[in-house]
Amino acid sequence: MPSGPPRLLVGESVGADFEALALATWDRFLWLLRARQDCFGDVRLEAAYSLGSRAGYDPETATATVRVPGTVAMLQSGLIHEWAHHVEFQCPAHQELRPMFLVAQGLPADTPWRPSGKTTDVNAEEWASIPSEQYAEAMVELVLGGRPIPTGARVSPGAIRVLEAWARGD
C-alpha cells in the first residue's frame, strides 16, 4: 500500500472548474474517512457529457465517472456517492459495516447488500431499495450534512450514525 492518503486522479476529460470542486469535495470525504484511509486506494475521476445516470463507478478500474455539466449540488452528490462505492469495493473492512448498517436501516442483518446478478441499471424504486445504494446516499448525507439532491433511497438517522462511527474507526 502506498504511503500517504488515497489520491483523486483527475482524468483529462475533467474541466478545471469541475476539478477544483472535485478536489475540495475529496478533501472533505477523506477527512471524514481519515481512520479508514489505509483501507482503500486511489480513485480516478472522469467526466462525461452523456451518461445513463448522474454518475457511475467501475470497480475494475477504480474510476468514478460523473455527468457534466451539473449544479454544484448534483456534482458533489454524484462524486460522494461514487466514492462511497469505491470504498465499498476496495476496503475489506467495509464488510463489518454492512450488518450494522442494515440493522440501523430496519433490515435483517443478512439482507443481500446488492442483488445477485443485477446491476444498478434498474428502475428508480428498485434502485432505492438496494442497501448498497442506500449506503452511498448515507455517505452523501454524512459528508455534506444532508442530501441536496433528493432520491427515493431511504436513509435512517441510525444508519448515518453507524456509518459515521465506522468511518471514525469505532
Protein backbone atom coordinates (compact mmCIF):
# COMPACT_ATOMS: atom_id res chain seq x y z
CA MET A 1 0.00 0.00 0.00
CA PRO A 2 1.45 3.38 -0.94
CA SER A 3 2.31 5.82 1.79
CA GLY A 4 0.02 8.77 2.27
CA PRO A 5 -3.69 9.14 1.80
CA PRO A 6 -5.53 7.83 -1.26
CA ARG A 7 -5.40 10.25 -4.19
CA LEU A 8 -8.02 11.53 -6.56
CA LEU A 9 -6.54 11.05 -10.04
CA VAL A 10 -8.21 13.55 -12.33
CA GLY A 11 -8.60 12.48 -15.96
CA GLU A 12 -8.21 14.73 -18.99
CA SER A 13 -11.97 14.77 -19.50
CA VAL A 14 -12.43 16.84 -16.32
CA GLY A 15 -12.55 20.62 -16.78
CA ALA A 16 -10.69 22.96 -14.44
CA ASP A 17 -13.83 24.17 -12.61
CA PHE A 18 -15.06 20.62 -12.01
CA GLU A 19 -11.57 19.56 -10.95
CA ALA A 20 -11.44 22.30 -8.31
CA LEU A 21 -14.85 21.26 -6.94
CA ALA A 22 -13.89 17.58 -7.01
CA LEU A 23 -10.60 18.14 -5.16
CA ALA A 24 -12.29 20.24 -2.45
CA THR A 25 -15.01 17.59 -2.08
CA TRP A 26 -12.38 14.82 -1.99
CA ASP A 27 -10.67 16.61 0.90
CA ARG A 28 -13.97 16.61 2.86
CA PHE A 29 -14.55 12.95 2.00
CA LEU A 30 -11.04 11.94 3.10
CA TRP A 31 -11.28 13.93 6.31
CA LEU A 32 -14.46 12.09 7.22
CA LEU A 33 -12.84 8.72 6.43
CA ARG A 34 -9.47 9.59 7.97
CA ALA A 35 -9.46 6.43 10.13
CA ARG A 36 -10.13 4.22 7.06
CA GLN A 37 -7.76 5.81 4.54
CA ASP A 38 -5.34 2.89 4.65
CA CYS A 39 -8.18 0.59 3.57
CA PHE A 40 -8.80 1.94 0.07
CA GLY A 41 -6.61 3.24 -2.69
CA ASP A 42 -6.59 5.93 -5.32
CA VAL A 43 -9.65 6.60 -7.45
CA ARG A 44 -9.75 8.06 -10.95
CA LEU A 45 -12.28 10.74 -11.91
CA GLU A 46 -13.65 11.18 -15.42
CA ALA A 47 -16.37 13.46 -16.74
CA ALA A 48 -18.91 12.54 -19.42
CA TYR A 49 -21.45 14.66 -21.29
CA SER A 50 -23.56 11.60 -21.96
CA LEU A 51 -24.21 9.08 -19.21
CA GLY A 52 -27.27 6.96 -18.39
CA SER A 53 -27.34 8.30 -14.82
CA ARG A 54 -25.80 11.19 -12.90
CA ALA A 55 -22.68 9.15 -12.18
CA GLY A 56 -21.21 5.66 -12.12
CA TYR A 57 -18.36 3.67 -10.62
CA ASP A 58 -16.31 0.95 -12.29
CA PRO A 59 -14.69 -1.24 -9.62
CA GLU A 60 -12.37 -2.92 -12.13
CA THR A 61 -10.65 0.37 -12.98
CA ALA A 62 -11.45 2.26 -9.74
CA THR A 63 -12.97 5.01 -11.87
CA ALA A 64 -15.84 7.32 -10.95
CA THR A 65 -17.49 8.98 -13.93
CA VAL A 66 -19.77 11.96 -13.39
CA ARG A 67 -22.12 13.51 -15.93
CA VAL A 68 -21.38 17.14 -16.71
CA PRO A 69 -22.43 19.86 -16.74
CA GLY A 70 -24.34 19.96 -13.48
CA THR A 71 -25.08 22.08 -10.46
CA VAL A 72 -22.62 22.05 -7.58
CA ALA A 73 -25.13 20.01 -5.57
CA MET A 74 -25.58 17.47 -8.36
CA LEU A 75 -21.84 17.14 -8.98
CA GLN A 76 -20.90 16.84 -5.30
CA SER A 77 -23.66 14.31 -4.64
CA GLY A 78 -22.57 12.22 -7.61
CA LEU A 79 -18.92 12.35 -6.59
CA ILE A 80 -19.50 11.32 -2.99
CA HIS A 81 -21.99 8.61 -3.95
CA GLU A 82 -19.50 7.01 -6.33
CA TRP A 83 -16.57 7.42 -3.95
CA ALA A 84 -18.68 5.59 -1.35
CA HIS A 85 -18.90 2.70 -3.83
CA HIS A 86 -15.12 2.94 -4.28
CA VAL A 87 -14.66 2.39 -0.53
CA GLU A 88 -17.27 -0.38 -0.60
CA PHE A 89 -15.43 -2.29 -3.33
CA GLN A 90 -11.84 -1.66 -2.19
CA CYS A 91 -11.96 -1.74 1.60
CA PRO A 92 -12.17 -5.24 3.13
CA ALA A 93 -13.22 -3.69 6.47
CA HIS A 94 -16.38 -2.48 4.75
CA GLN A 95 -17.77 -5.99 5.26
CA GLU A 96 -18.00 -5.31 9.02
CA LEU A 97 -20.08 -2.18 8.42
CA ARG A 98 -22.80 -3.89 6.39
CA PRO A 99 -24.72 -5.87 9.03
CA MET A 100 -24.75 -2.88 11.40
CA PHE A 101 -25.88 -0.56 8.62
CA LEU A 102 -28.64 -2.95 7.55
CA VAL A 103 -30.00 -3.29 11.09
CA ALA A 104 -29.92 0.50 11.52
CA GLN A 105 -31.94 0.72 8.29
CA GLY A 106 -34.53 -1.63 9.80
CA LEU A 107 -33.49 -4.56 7.59
CA PRO A 108 -32.36 -8.04 8.62
CA ALA A 109 -28.57 -8.21 9.05
CA ASP A 110 -28.36 -10.91 6.36
CA THR A 111 -30.14 -8.86 3.68
CA PRO A 112 -28.17 -9.08 0.42
CA TRP A 113 -26.05 -5.95 0.02
CA ARG A 114 -26.51 -6.00 -3.74
CA PRO A 115 -28.97 -8.20 -5.60
CA SER A 116 -27.01 -11.01 -7.21
CA GLY A 117 -26.87 -10.96 -10.97
CA LYS A 118 -28.22 -7.41 -11.19
CA THR A 119 -26.61 -4.12 -11.95
CA THR A 120 -27.78 -0.77 -10.72
CA ASP A 121 -29.42 -0.27 -14.14
CA VAL A 122 -32.83 -0.83 -12.60
CA ASN A 123 -35.89 1.34 -12.17
CA ALA A 124 -35.72 4.09 -9.53
CA GLU A 125 -37.88 2.28 -6.98
CA GLU A 126 -35.80 -0.90 -7.13
CA TRP A 127 -32.56 1.14 -7.08
CA ALA A 128 -33.71 2.94 -3.92
CA SER A 129 -34.28 -0.39 -2.13
CA ILE A 130 -30.73 -1.71 -2.70
CA PRO A 131 -28.73 -1.45 0.56
CA SER A 132 -25.51 -0.60 -1.31
CA GLU A 133 -27.25 2.42 -2.84
CA GLN A 134 -28.76 3.42 0.50
CA TYR A 135 -25.26 3.31 1.98
CA ALA A 136 -23.88 5.52 -0.82
CA GLU A 137 -26.71 8.02 -0.23
CA ALA A 138 -25.97 7.90 3.52
CA MET A 139 -22.37 8.82 2.73
CA VAL A 140 -23.60 11.84 0.74
CA GLU A 141 -25.69 12.90 3.72
CA LEU A 142 -22.81 12.37 6.15
CA VAL A 143 -20.20 14.27 4.11
CA LEU A 144 -22.47 17.16 3.08
CA GLY A 145 -24.63 17.31 6.21
CA GLY A 146 -27.72 16.45 4.16
CA ARG A 147 -28.73 15.32 0.70
CA PRO A 148 -29.07 18.32 -1.59
CA ILE A 149 -30.41 16.09 -4.38
CA PRO A 150 -33.39 14.07 -3.17
CA THR A 151 -33.54 10.44 -4.20
CA GLY A 152 -36.01 7.72 -3.33
CA ALA A 153 -33.40 5.94 -1.19
CA ARG A 154 -34.47 5.97 2.45
CA VAL A 155 -31.67 6.58 4.91
CA SER A 156 -32.37 6.38 8.62
CA PRO A 157 -30.69 8.63 11.18
CA GLY A 158 -29.39 5.47 12.86
CA ALA A 159 -27.72 4.36 9.64
CA ILE A 160 -25.96 7.74 9.42
CA ARG A 161 -24.69 7.30 13.00
CA VAL A 162 -23.45 3.76 12.23
CA LEU A 163 -21.66 4.98 9.11
CA GLU A 164 -20.10 7.89 10.97
CA ALA A 165 -18.82 5.62 13.76
CA TRP A 166 -17.39 3.17 11.21
CA ALA A 167 -15.71 6.00 9.29
CA ARG A 168 -14.09 7.16 12.56
CA GLY A 169 -12.76 3.65 13.11
CA ASP A 170 -15.07 2.85 16.03
